[in-house]
Structure formats: C-alpha cells, structure tokens
Amino acid sequence: MKNLKVGDIEFKLIKRRSRSITTKIRDGEVIVSAPFYVSQKEVLEVVEKQIPWIEKHLEKAGRKKSNARLKYIDGEKIYFLGGEYLLKIEASAKKKTVVEIDKERGEIIVQTSSQDAQVIKRAVDARFKKELMAKIDSLLPECQRITGKTINSYDIRKMTTSWGICHIKDRTVTFSLQLAQKSDEEIKYIIIHELTHLIEPNHSLKFKEHMTRFIPDWKRIKKEINS
C-alpha cells in the first residue's frame, strides 16, 4: 500500500490482481486499486481526471460538523475538541495575530490587525495544532497500552481525505489537523485505529477483530466521526 497525492487529493494505492483501476471513498479515505502491471504514473493520471468526482463524493459523505467552509468572520460557529464555539474577531494594534480559547464562554477569540481571512485562518490553525498535539500527547500512552504497540513519533498536517495515516515501516503516524474539531473519544478512536495498523496493515477481518477487542463500540464512534 502506498500513500500518494494528486493536487489536494490524498489517496491510498493498493496493487492487486485486477483488470482495471477503481476508486472508492471509504471511511473518509480515497482508496485506489490498480493492477500490478499499471505504473504509478498511469494511476496518477487516472486519479487526476477523477478529481471532480472525488471531491463531490467527499463532500457528500463529508463531515457535518466541520470548519471546512468557514469564512473566518466574526460571529461564525467553529468546532473545537468536540464542542461548538463562537468565533470572535477583535481589532488589535499589534502586528501578531493572537488566538485565545475561552472554554467557559465557548469562544475562540482572534485579536488581529488584519482583515485577511487567510491570516486569521493560519493563526487559528496554528493554535488548534498546538492544542491537538497536547490532546494527542495526553491520550497516546493509554492508546499504546491498549494496543500493545508504540510509535516513534507523529506529526500533524492538513489532510482532507483521511483522519490519519500510519507509516508502518517508520512506525510513525500523520494525523489530520481536522481532528482538532473532534471529541476526546473520537481522537482516541483514530489513534487506536492507526496503532492497530502496526498489527494488521489492511482493513481486513482481523483488523476489525482487533478494533472490537480494543474498542467494543468502535463502529458507533466511526459513524459519528464521519457524520
């Protein structure tokens, strides 16, 4: 299995005995299957042509509680660690854009001298990444104990088609920044899901059996995180 990217579309490539290249959206991931004799270049060309179809189906099956369509203007709803917050934009004379999180009042407060939505977005993303790292750090030891598997390291980056990717050879995991929107239960599920790939690389019956042993109601959580 290989992790590849075309434009903004990340996908997993699986080589198998088949006659054609097929693309599926599964669990928020783009899975492409191709015959062994097909080159990587050919696969990339096919997927590039499918981008409109992929984006349409990702949106259709996408997450309802999502920050993806935010305009980063004052008064918008924004999701953070499983909760719904109010985004407040406050004018500031300082050059640096500062993001504060008021959990008691349910507010994400951005103090900025800029009116550029991208500047505000970058600042919010940076703060959310910091908070998500702290959350993962707090949950990871328990998840590693449950699965009996450990990783060397992890990183967080923007991903639109997957909540996480396990790099089995390096024993590392890449988590999606979008996890910062999700609850502790959902983040824990993704961590355990990726650690389980160190036991069973594919989403086989054995993989699902391990998941049931680690999290008996994982199917419910999976449904919620993708709804």
Protein backbone atom coordinates (compact mmCIF):
# COMPACT_ATOMS: atom_id res chain seq x y z
CA MET A 1 0.00 0.00 0.00
CA LYS A 2 1.29 3.47 -0.94
CA ASN A 3 0.16 6.94 0.14
CA LEU A 4 0.06 9.27 -2.88
CA LYS A 5 -1.25 12.73 -3.71
CA VAL A 6 -2.67 14.49 -6.78
CA GLY A 7 -3.39 18.18 -6.25
CA ASP A 8 -5.15 18.39 -2.89
CA ILE A 9 -6.38 14.79 -3.09
CA GLU A 10 -4.51 12.27 -0.94
CA PHE A 11 -5.18 8.61 -1.57
CA LYS A 12 -4.02 5.11 -0.73
CA LEU A 13 -2.91 2.96 -3.66
CA ILE A 14 -3.39 -0.79 -3.42
CA LYS A 15 -1.91 -3.03 -6.11
CA ARG A 16 -3.81 -6.26 -6.72
CA ARG A 17 -4.81 -8.76 -9.36
CA SER A 18 -7.47 -6.89 -11.28
CA ARG A 19 -8.24 -5.70 -14.78
CA SER A 20 -8.81 -2.01 -14.17
CA ILE A 21 -8.18 0.96 -11.89
CA THR A 22 -11.01 1.57 -9.41
CA THR A 23 -11.54 4.40 -6.93
CA LYS A 24 -13.64 4.22 -3.76
CA ILE A 25 -14.38 6.57 -0.87
CA ARG A 26 -14.26 4.61 2.37
CA ASP A 27 -14.21 5.89 5.96
CA GLY A 28 -13.37 9.36 4.69
CA GLU A 29 -10.42 8.00 2.71
CA VAL A 30 -9.82 7.75 -1.03
CA ILE A 31 -8.76 4.19 -1.89
CA VAL A 32 -7.45 3.43 -5.38
CA SER A 33 -6.95 -0.15 -6.53
CA ALA A 34 -4.87 -0.91 -9.61
CA PRO A 35 -3.48 -3.97 -11.40
CA PHE A 36 0.15 -4.87 -10.64
CA TYR A 37 1.22 -4.07 -14.21
CA VAL A 38 -0.10 -0.48 -14.15
CA SER A 39 2.57 2.17 -13.48
CA GLN A 40 2.31 4.81 -10.79
CA LYS A 41 2.28 7.49 -13.49
CA GLU A 42 -0.79 5.91 -15.10
CA VAL A 43 -2.57 5.77 -11.74
CA LEU A 44 -1.85 9.45 -11.06
CA GLU A 45 -3.20 10.40 -14.49
CA VAL A 46 -6.44 8.48 -13.88
CA VAL A 47 -6.94 9.94 -10.41
CA GLU A 48 -6.28 13.47 -11.70
CA LYS A 49 -9.17 13.05 -14.16
CA GLN A 50 -11.39 11.82 -11.31
CA ILE A 51 -10.74 14.81 -9.00
CA PRO A 52 -14.18 16.46 -9.60
CA TRP A 53 -15.93 13.13 -8.88
CA ILE A 54 -13.78 12.50 -5.79
CA GLU A 55 -14.38 16.00 -4.39
CA LYS A 56 -18.12 15.69 -4.99
CA HIS A 57 -18.36 12.38 -3.13
CA LEU A 58 -16.08 13.51 -0.31
CA GLU A 59 -18.37 16.49 0.21
CA LYS A 60 -21.46 14.31 0.03
CA ALA A 61 -20.08 11.86 2.58
CA GLY A 62 -18.26 14.58 4.46
CA ARG A 63 -18.44 15.77 7.98
CA LYS A 64 -21.47 17.84 9.02
CA LYS A 65 -19.71 19.44 11.98
CA SER A 66 -16.79 20.83 10.04
CA ASN A 67 -14.75 24.03 9.85
CA ALA A 68 -14.04 23.42 6.16
CA ARG A 69 -16.42 26.11 4.88
CA LEU A 70 -15.56 28.82 7.40
CA LYS A 71 -15.09 32.34 6.05
CA TYR A 72 -13.29 33.36 9.27
CA ILE A 73 -15.53 36.29 10.01
CA ASP A 74 -16.90 37.47 13.33
CA GLY A 75 -19.87 35.54 14.68
CA GLU A 76 -19.34 32.23 12.86
CA LYS A 77 -19.69 28.86 14.54
CA ILE A 78 -16.41 26.99 14.85
CA TYR A 79 -15.83 23.46 16.15
CA PHE A 80 -13.06 22.66 18.63
CA LEU A 81 -12.39 19.42 20.53
CA GLY A 82 -15.96 18.21 20.15
CA GLY A 83 -17.61 21.50 21.13
CA GLU A 84 -19.31 24.29 19.21
CA TYR A 85 -17.69 27.69 19.77
CA LEU A 86 -18.35 31.25 18.64
CA LEU A 87 -15.60 32.85 16.56
CA LYS A 88 -14.93 36.40 17.70
CA ILE A 89 -12.69 38.70 15.68
CA GLU A 90 -11.32 41.64 17.67
CA ALA A 91 -9.30 44.51 16.20
CA SER A 92 -5.79 44.87 17.58
CA ALA A 93 -2.97 47.35 17.02
CA LYS A 94 -0.39 44.60 17.40
CA LYS A 95 1.19 43.05 14.31
CA LYS A 96 0.97 39.49 15.57
CA THR A 97 -2.42 37.77 15.39
CA VAL A 98 -3.26 36.11 18.71
CA VAL A 99 -5.83 33.35 19.26
CA GLU A 100 -7.35 32.77 22.69
CA ILE A 101 -9.74 29.98 23.67
CA ASP A 102 -12.37 30.70 26.32
CA LYS A 103 -13.84 27.29 27.15
CA GLU A 104 -16.20 28.65 29.79
CA ARG A 105 -17.86 31.11 27.41
CA GLY A 106 -17.43 28.88 24.37
CA GLU A 107 -15.49 31.44 22.35
CA ILE A 108 -12.50 31.39 20.05
CA ILE A 109 -11.17 34.95 20.22
CA VAL A 110 -8.87 36.22 17.46
CA GLN A 111 -7.09 39.50 18.13
CA THR A 112 -5.70 40.82 14.87
CA SER A 113 -4.79 43.92 12.90
CA SER A 114 -5.58 42.12 9.64
CA GLN A 115 -8.85 41.70 7.80
CA ASP A 116 -7.40 38.94 5.61
CA ALA A 117 -9.28 35.70 6.21
CA GLN A 118 -6.19 33.65 5.35
CA VAL A 119 -4.15 35.41 8.04
CA ILE A 120 -6.85 34.63 10.58
CA LYS A 121 -7.17 31.05 9.36
CA ARG A 122 -3.42 30.43 9.66
CA ALA A 123 -3.43 31.76 13.21
CA VAL A 124 -6.42 29.61 14.20
CA ASP A 125 -4.87 26.55 12.55
CA ALA A 126 -1.60 27.09 14.41
CA ARG A 127 -3.39 27.35 17.76
CA PHE A 128 -5.58 24.32 17.00
CA LYS A 129 -2.49 22.33 16.02
CA LYS A 130 -0.85 23.18 19.33
CA GLU A 131 -3.98 22.15 21.25
CA LEU A 132 -4.37 18.93 19.23
CA MET A 133 -0.74 17.98 19.94
CA ALA A 134 -1.35 18.41 23.66
CA LYS A 135 -4.50 16.28 23.40
CA ILE A 136 -2.76 13.50 21.45
CA ASP A 137 0.15 13.56 23.92
CA SER A 138 -2.32 13.03 26.77
CA LEU A 139 -4.19 10.17 25.05
CA LEU A 140 -1.31 8.36 23.33
CA PRO A 141 0.13 6.48 26.37
CA GLU A 142 -3.22 4.84 27.11
CA CYS A 143 -3.78 4.00 23.44
CA GLN A 144 -0.34 2.40 23.21
CA ARG A 145 -1.05 0.39 26.36
CA ILE A 146 -4.39 -0.82 24.95
CA THR A 147 -2.93 -1.94 21.62
CA GLY A 148 0.46 -3.05 22.88
CA LYS A 149 2.04 -1.05 20.05
CA THR A 150 4.16 2.10 20.16
CA ILE A 151 5.19 4.65 17.57
CA ASN A 152 8.47 6.50 17.22
CA SER A 153 6.80 9.84 16.53
CA TYR A 154 3.81 11.55 14.95
CA ASP A 155 3.08 14.75 13.11
CA ILE A 156 0.01 16.81 12.30
CA ARG A 157 -0.79 18.31 8.93
CA LYS A 158 -3.70 19.35 6.79
CA MET A 159 -5.40 16.36 5.18
CA THR A 160 -8.80 16.35 3.51
CA THR A 161 -9.28 12.67 2.79
CA SER A 162 -8.04 10.91 5.91
CA TRP A 163 -8.09 11.35 9.69
CA GLY A 164 -4.73 9.62 10.00
CA ILE A 165 -2.10 7.67 8.12
CA CYS A 166 0.13 5.02 9.69
CA HIS A 167 3.60 4.77 8.17
CA ILE A 168 4.28 1.19 9.15
CA LYS A 169 7.92 0.96 8.08
CA ASP A 170 8.92 4.05 10.09
CA ARG A 171 6.46 3.40 12.92
CA THR A 172 5.17 6.95 12.64
CA VAL A 173 1.68 8.40 12.24
CA THR A 174 0.43 11.51 10.48
CA PHE A 175 -2.77 12.92 11.96
CA SER A 176 -5.14 15.31 10.22
CA LEU A 177 -5.40 18.81 11.66
CA GLN A 178 -9.17 18.40 11.31
CA LEU A 179 -9.05 16.12 14.36
CA ALA A 180 -8.83 19.33 16.41
CA GLN A 181 -12.60 19.61 15.79
CA LYS A 182 -13.32 16.22 17.34
CA SER A 183 -14.04 14.93 20.85
CA ASP A 184 -11.61 13.01 23.06
CA GLU A 185 -13.47 9.79 22.29
CA GLU A 186 -13.16 10.32 18.55
CA ILE A 187 -9.48 11.31 18.71
CA LYS A 188 -8.75 8.25 20.84
CA TYR A 189 -10.52 6.07 18.27
CA ILE A 190 -8.33 7.43 15.46
CA ILE A 191 -5.13 6.95 17.47
CA ILE A 192 -6.05 3.33 18.23
CA HIS A 193 -7.13 2.80 14.61
CA GLU A 194 -3.71 3.89 13.35
CA LEU A 195 -1.81 1.91 16.01
CA THR A 196 -3.80 -1.18 15.02
CA HIS A 197 -2.30 -0.90 11.54
CA LEU A 198 1.02 -1.88 13.16
CA ILE A 199 -0.66 -5.23 13.88
CA GLU A 200 -2.71 -5.58 10.71
CA PRO A 201 -1.78 -3.27 7.79
CA ASN A 202 -5.11 -3.51 5.93
CA HIS A 203 -8.75 -3.11 6.95
CA SER A 204 -9.17 -6.87 7.00
CA LEU A 205 -11.44 -9.01 9.15
CA LYS A 206 -8.53 -9.46 11.56
CA PHE A 207 -8.11 -5.69 11.76
CA LYS A 208 -11.78 -5.29 12.68
CA GLU A 209 -11.50 -8.06 15.27
CA HIS A 210 -8.60 -6.22 16.91
CA MET A 211 -10.58 -2.98 16.87
CA THR A 212 -13.53 -4.69 18.56
CA ARG A 213 -11.20 -6.00 21.24
CA PHE A 214 -9.63 -2.58 21.81
CA ILE A 215 -12.86 -0.52 21.50
CA PRO A 216 -16.02 -2.68 21.66
CA ASP A 217 -18.24 0.10 20.23
CA TRP A 218 -15.76 1.42 17.65
CA LYS A 219 -18.34 1.18 14.84
CA ARG A 220 -20.54 3.75 16.59
CA ILE A 221 -17.62 6.14 17.02
CA LYS A 222 -16.54 5.61 13.42
CA LYS A 223 -20.04 6.52 12.25
CA GLU A 224 -20.10 9.64 14.45
CA ILE A 225 -16.67 10.95 13.40
CA ASN A 226 -17.66 10.70 9.73
CA SER A 227 -21.14 12.21 10.18
